[in-house]
Amino acid sequence: MEEIILLFILIMSLIAFFVMGYDKSQAKKHKQRVSERTLWMLALFGGGIGAYFGMQLFRHKTKHTNFRVGFLMLMIIYAFLIFWIVKANNPIFA
């Protein structure tokens, strides 16, 4: 079960990361954008790490305090979740 959770977080983070890059690209071209709600849903439901790093790498939504703080908090939560799962299932940490 833990492997499924980790895989889910990885997949959602990759999706969130690439969606942040896509939205930044669309913003530069003045084309249809990804809604902020969609960005938040991706971050909330497993993609917090990818959303945060996508925001930083693509310099997208970095002036919005709610994105900066919210995505950072979600990244920290998911990082602790990953650490907890790995620690609980690895005898090296016992």
N, C-alpha and C. Protein backbone atom coordinates (compact mmCIF):
# COMPACT_ATOMS: atom_id res chain seq x y z
N MET A 1 0.82 -1.20 0.00
CA MET A 1 0.00 0.00 0.00
C MET A 1 0.87 1.26 0.00
N GLU A 2 1.97 1.22 0.75
CA GLU A 2 2.84 2.39 0.83
C GLU A 2 3.43 2.73 -0.54
N GLU A 3 3.77 1.69 -1.32
CA GLU A 3 4.33 1.92 -2.64
C GLU A 3 3.32 2.63 -3.53
N ILE A 4 2.05 2.29 -3.38
CA ILE A 4 1.00 2.93 -4.17
C ILE A 4 0.90 4.41 -3.81
N ILE A 5 0.96 4.72 -2.53
CA ILE A 5 0.90 6.11 -2.09
C ILE A 5 2.09 6.90 -2.63
N LEU A 6 3.28 6.34 -2.53
CA LEU A 6 4.47 7.01 -3.04
C LEU A 6 4.40 7.21 -4.55
N LEU A 7 3.93 6.20 -5.26
CA LEU A 7 3.78 6.31 -6.71
C LEU A 7 2.75 7.38 -7.07
N PHE A 8 1.66 7.43 -6.32
CA PHE A 8 0.62 8.44 -6.55
C PHE A 8 1.19 9.85 -6.36
N ILE A 9 1.94 10.05 -5.28
CA ILE A 9 2.54 11.36 -5.02
C ILE A 9 3.53 11.73 -6.13
N LEU A 10 4.31 10.77 -6.57
CA LEU A 10 5.26 11.01 -7.65
C LEU A 10 4.54 11.43 -8.94
N ILE A 11 3.53 10.68 -9.32
CA ILE A 11 2.79 10.97 -10.55
C ILE A 11 2.10 12.33 -10.46
N MET A 12 1.43 12.59 -9.34
CA MET A 12 0.74 13.87 -9.18
C MET A 12 1.73 15.03 -9.16
N SER A 13 2.89 14.82 -8.56
CA SER A 13 3.90 15.88 -8.54
C SER A 13 4.44 16.16 -9.93
N LEU A 14 4.65 15.13 -10.71
CA LEU A 14 5.11 15.33 -12.09
C LEU A 14 4.06 16.07 -12.90
N ILE A 15 2.81 15.67 -12.75
CA ILE A 15 1.73 16.36 -13.47
C ILE A 15 1.66 17.82 -13.06
N ALA A 16 1.68 18.08 -11.75
CA ALA A 16 1.61 19.46 -11.25
C ALA A 16 2.79 20.28 -11.76
N PHE A 17 3.98 19.70 -11.76
CA PHE A 17 5.17 20.39 -12.23
C PHE A 17 5.00 20.81 -13.69
N PHE A 18 4.59 19.87 -14.54
CA PHE A 18 4.46 20.18 -15.96
C PHE A 18 3.29 21.11 -16.25
N VAL A 19 2.23 21.02 -15.47
CA VAL A 19 1.11 21.94 -15.64
C VAL A 19 1.52 23.37 -15.27
N MET A 20 2.36 23.52 -14.24
CA MET A 20 2.87 24.86 -13.91
C MET A 20 3.67 25.42 -15.08
N GLY A 21 4.51 24.61 -15.69
CA GLY A 21 5.29 25.05 -16.85
C GLY A 21 4.40 25.37 -18.03
N TYR A 22 3.39 24.55 -18.26
CA TYR A 22 2.44 24.79 -19.36
C TYR A 22 1.69 26.10 -19.14
N ASP A 23 1.22 26.33 -17.92
CA ASP A 23 0.47 27.55 -17.63
C ASP A 23 1.35 28.78 -17.80
N LYS A 24 2.60 28.70 -17.40
CA LYS A 24 3.53 29.82 -17.59
C LYS A 24 3.72 30.09 -19.08
N SER A 25 3.86 29.04 -19.86
CA SER A 25 4.01 29.18 -21.31
C SER A 25 2.77 29.83 -21.92
N GLN A 26 1.60 29.39 -21.49
CA GLN A 26 0.35 29.96 -21.99
C GLN A 26 0.23 31.43 -21.60
N ALA A 27 0.68 31.78 -20.40
CA ALA A 27 0.61 33.16 -19.93
C ALA A 27 1.49 34.06 -20.81
N LYS A 28 2.66 33.58 -21.15
CA LYS A 28 3.57 34.37 -21.99
C LYS A 28 2.98 34.62 -23.38
N LYS A 29 2.21 33.65 -23.89
CA LYS A 29 1.63 33.75 -25.23
C LYS A 29 0.25 34.42 -25.21
N HIS A 30 -0.21 34.79 -24.02
CA HIS A 30 -1.55 35.38 -23.85
C HIS A 30 -2.64 34.46 -24.40
N LYS A 31 -2.48 33.18 -24.12
CA LYS A 31 -3.47 32.17 -24.54
C LYS A 31 -4.23 31.67 -23.33
N GLN A 32 -5.17 30.75 -23.60
CA GLN A 32 -6.01 30.22 -22.52
C GLN A 32 -5.15 29.54 -21.47
N ARG A 33 -5.45 29.86 -20.21
CA ARG A 33 -4.64 29.43 -19.08
C ARG A 33 -5.29 28.29 -18.32
N VAL A 34 -4.50 27.68 -17.48
CA VAL A 34 -5.00 26.69 -16.53
C VAL A 34 -5.57 27.48 -15.35
N SER A 35 -6.73 27.09 -14.89
CA SER A 35 -7.35 27.84 -13.79
C SER A 35 -6.55 27.68 -12.50
N GLU A 36 -6.62 28.71 -11.67
CA GLU A 36 -5.95 28.62 -10.37
C GLU A 36 -6.52 27.48 -9.54
N ARG A 37 -7.81 27.26 -9.69
CA ARG A 37 -8.45 26.15 -8.97
C ARG A 37 -7.80 24.81 -9.35
N THR A 38 -7.55 24.62 -10.63
CA THR A 38 -6.91 23.38 -11.09
C THR A 38 -5.51 23.25 -10.51
N LEU A 39 -4.75 24.35 -10.50
CA LEU A 39 -3.40 24.31 -9.92
C LEU A 39 -3.46 23.92 -8.44
N TRP A 40 -4.42 24.49 -7.72
CA TRP A 40 -4.57 24.15 -6.30
C TRP A 40 -4.99 22.69 -6.11
N MET A 41 -5.91 22.22 -6.94
CA MET A 41 -6.37 20.83 -6.80
C MET A 41 -5.22 19.85 -7.04
N LEU A 42 -4.41 20.13 -8.04
CA LEU A 42 -3.25 19.27 -8.30
C LEU A 42 -2.29 19.28 -7.11
N ALA A 43 -2.06 20.46 -6.55
CA ALA A 43 -1.15 20.57 -5.40
C ALA A 43 -1.73 19.87 -4.17
N LEU A 44 -3.01 20.06 -3.93
CA LEU A 44 -3.64 19.48 -2.74
C LEU A 44 -3.70 17.96 -2.80
N PHE A 45 -4.01 17.43 -3.96
CA PHE A 45 -4.23 15.99 -4.08
C PHE A 45 -2.98 15.26 -4.57
N GLY A 46 -1.88 15.52 -3.90
CA GLY A 46 -0.67 14.74 -4.14
C GLY A 46 0.45 15.45 -4.86
N GLY A 47 0.17 16.58 -5.50
CA GLY A 47 1.17 17.23 -6.32
C GLY A 47 1.88 18.41 -5.68
N GLY A 48 1.84 18.51 -4.38
CA GLY A 48 2.41 19.67 -3.70
C GLY A 48 3.89 19.89 -3.96
N ILE A 49 4.64 18.81 -4.02
CA ILE A 49 6.09 18.93 -4.26
C ILE A 49 6.35 19.42 -5.68
N GLY A 50 5.71 18.82 -6.64
CA GLY A 50 5.89 19.23 -8.04
C GLY A 50 5.38 20.64 -8.30
N ALA A 51 4.26 20.99 -7.68
CA ALA A 51 3.72 22.34 -7.85
C ALA A 51 4.68 23.38 -7.31
N TYR A 52 5.25 23.11 -6.15
CA TYR A 52 6.19 24.06 -5.54
C TYR A 52 7.44 24.22 -6.41
N PHE A 53 8.05 23.10 -6.81
CA PHE A 53 9.26 23.19 -7.61
C PHE A 53 8.98 23.75 -9.01
N GLY A 54 7.80 23.45 -9.57
CA GLY A 54 7.42 24.06 -10.84
C GLY A 54 7.26 25.56 -10.72
N MET A 55 6.65 26.00 -9.63
CA MET A 55 6.49 27.43 -9.38
C MET A 55 7.85 28.11 -9.32
N GLN A 56 8.80 27.49 -8.64
CA GLN A 56 10.13 28.08 -8.49
C GLN A 56 10.91 28.05 -9.81
N LEU A 57 10.92 26.91 -10.49
CA LEU A 57 11.71 26.77 -11.71
C LEU A 57 11.17 27.67 -12.82
N PHE A 58 9.85 27.68 -13.00
CA PHE A 58 9.24 28.46 -14.08
C PHE A 58 8.94 29.90 -13.67
N ARG A 59 9.21 30.23 -12.41
CA ARG A 59 8.92 31.56 -11.86
C ARG A 59 7.48 31.96 -12.18
N HIS A 60 6.61 31.07 -11.79
CA HIS A 60 5.19 31.24 -12.08
C HIS A 60 4.40 31.29 -10.79
N LYS A 61 3.59 32.32 -10.64
CA LYS A 61 2.75 32.56 -9.45
C LYS A 61 3.59 32.91 -8.22
N THR A 62 4.82 33.32 -8.43
CA THR A 62 5.69 33.61 -7.30
C THR A 62 5.36 34.94 -6.62
N LYS A 63 4.60 35.79 -7.28
CA LYS A 63 4.20 37.06 -6.66
C LYS A 63 2.90 36.93 -5.86
N HIS A 64 2.27 35.78 -5.97
CA HIS A 64 1.02 35.53 -5.25
C HIS A 64 1.36 34.87 -3.91
N THR A 65 1.14 35.60 -2.83
CA THR A 65 1.49 35.10 -1.50
C THR A 65 0.78 33.79 -1.18
N ASN A 66 -0.49 33.67 -1.57
CA ASN A 66 -1.21 32.44 -1.25
C ASN A 66 -0.60 31.22 -1.96
N PHE A 67 -0.08 31.40 -3.16
CA PHE A 67 0.60 30.30 -3.84
C PHE A 67 1.96 30.02 -3.20
N ARG A 68 2.73 31.07 -2.94
CA ARG A 68 4.06 30.88 -2.34
C ARG A 68 3.97 30.14 -1.01
N VAL A 69 3.09 30.62 -0.14
CA VAL A 69 2.98 30.02 1.19
C VAL A 69 2.27 28.68 1.12
N GLY A 70 1.17 28.62 0.38
CA GLY A 70 0.39 27.39 0.30
C GLY A 70 1.15 26.25 -0.33
N PHE A 71 1.80 26.51 -1.45
CA PHE A 71 2.55 25.45 -2.12
C PHE A 71 3.75 25.02 -1.28
N LEU A 72 4.38 25.96 -0.58
CA LEU A 72 5.48 25.61 0.31
C LEU A 72 4.98 24.69 1.42
N MET A 73 3.86 25.04 2.03
CA MET A 73 3.31 24.21 3.11
C MET A 73 2.95 22.82 2.60
N LEU A 74 2.33 22.75 1.44
CA LEU A 74 1.97 21.44 0.87
C LEU A 74 3.22 20.63 0.54
N MET A 75 4.25 21.29 0.03
CA MET A 75 5.51 20.60 -0.26
C MET A 75 6.09 20.00 1.01
N ILE A 76 6.08 20.77 2.09
CA ILE A 76 6.61 20.28 3.37
C ILE A 76 5.78 19.11 3.87
N ILE A 77 4.48 19.21 3.80
CA ILE A 77 3.60 18.13 4.26
C ILE A 77 3.87 16.85 3.48
N TYR A 78 3.94 16.96 2.15
CA TYR A 78 4.17 15.76 1.34
C TYR A 78 5.58 15.21 1.54
N ALA A 79 6.56 16.08 1.76
CA ALA A 79 7.92 15.61 2.03
C ALA A 79 7.96 14.83 3.35
N PHE A 80 7.28 15.34 4.38
CA PHE A 80 7.22 14.60 5.65
C PHE A 80 6.47 13.28 5.49
N LEU A 81 5.41 13.27 4.69
CA LEU A 81 4.67 12.04 4.45
C LEU A 81 5.57 11.00 3.79
N ILE A 82 6.32 11.43 2.78
CA ILE A 82 7.25 10.51 2.11
C ILE A 82 8.30 10.00 3.09
N PHE A 83 8.87 10.91 3.86
CA PHE A 83 9.88 10.51 4.85
C PHE A 83 9.29 9.51 5.84
N TRP A 84 8.09 9.76 6.32
CA TRP A 84 7.44 8.88 7.28
C TRP A 84 7.20 7.49 6.69
N ILE A 85 6.73 7.44 5.45
CA ILE A 85 6.49 6.14 4.79
C ILE A 85 7.80 5.39 4.61
N VAL A 86 8.81 6.08 4.12
CA VAL A 86 10.10 5.42 3.89
C VAL A 86 10.71 4.97 5.21
N LYS A 87 10.66 5.82 6.22
CA LYS A 87 11.22 5.47 7.53
C LYS A 87 10.51 4.26 8.14
N ALA A 88 9.20 4.24 8.04
CA ALA A 88 8.41 3.15 8.63
C ALA A 88 8.67 1.81 7.95
N ASN A 89 9.11 1.85 6.70
CA ASN A 89 9.28 0.61 5.94
C ASN A 89 10.72 0.26 5.63
N ASN A 90 11.66 0.92 6.31
CA ASN A 90 13.06 0.68 6.03
C ASN A 90 13.78 0.34 7.34
N PRO A 91 14.36 -0.85 7.43
CA PRO A 91 15.03 -1.26 8.67
C PRO A 91 16.25 -0.42 9.01
N ILE A 92 16.79 0.32 8.06
CA ILE A 92 17.95 1.17 8.34
C ILE A 92 17.59 2.23 9.38
N PHE A 93 16.34 2.72 9.36
CA PHE A 93 15.90 3.75 10.28
C PHE A 93 15.42 3.20 11.62
N ALA A 94 15.38 1.90 11.76
CA ALA A 94 14.84 1.29 12.99
C ALA A 94 15.73 1.49 14.19
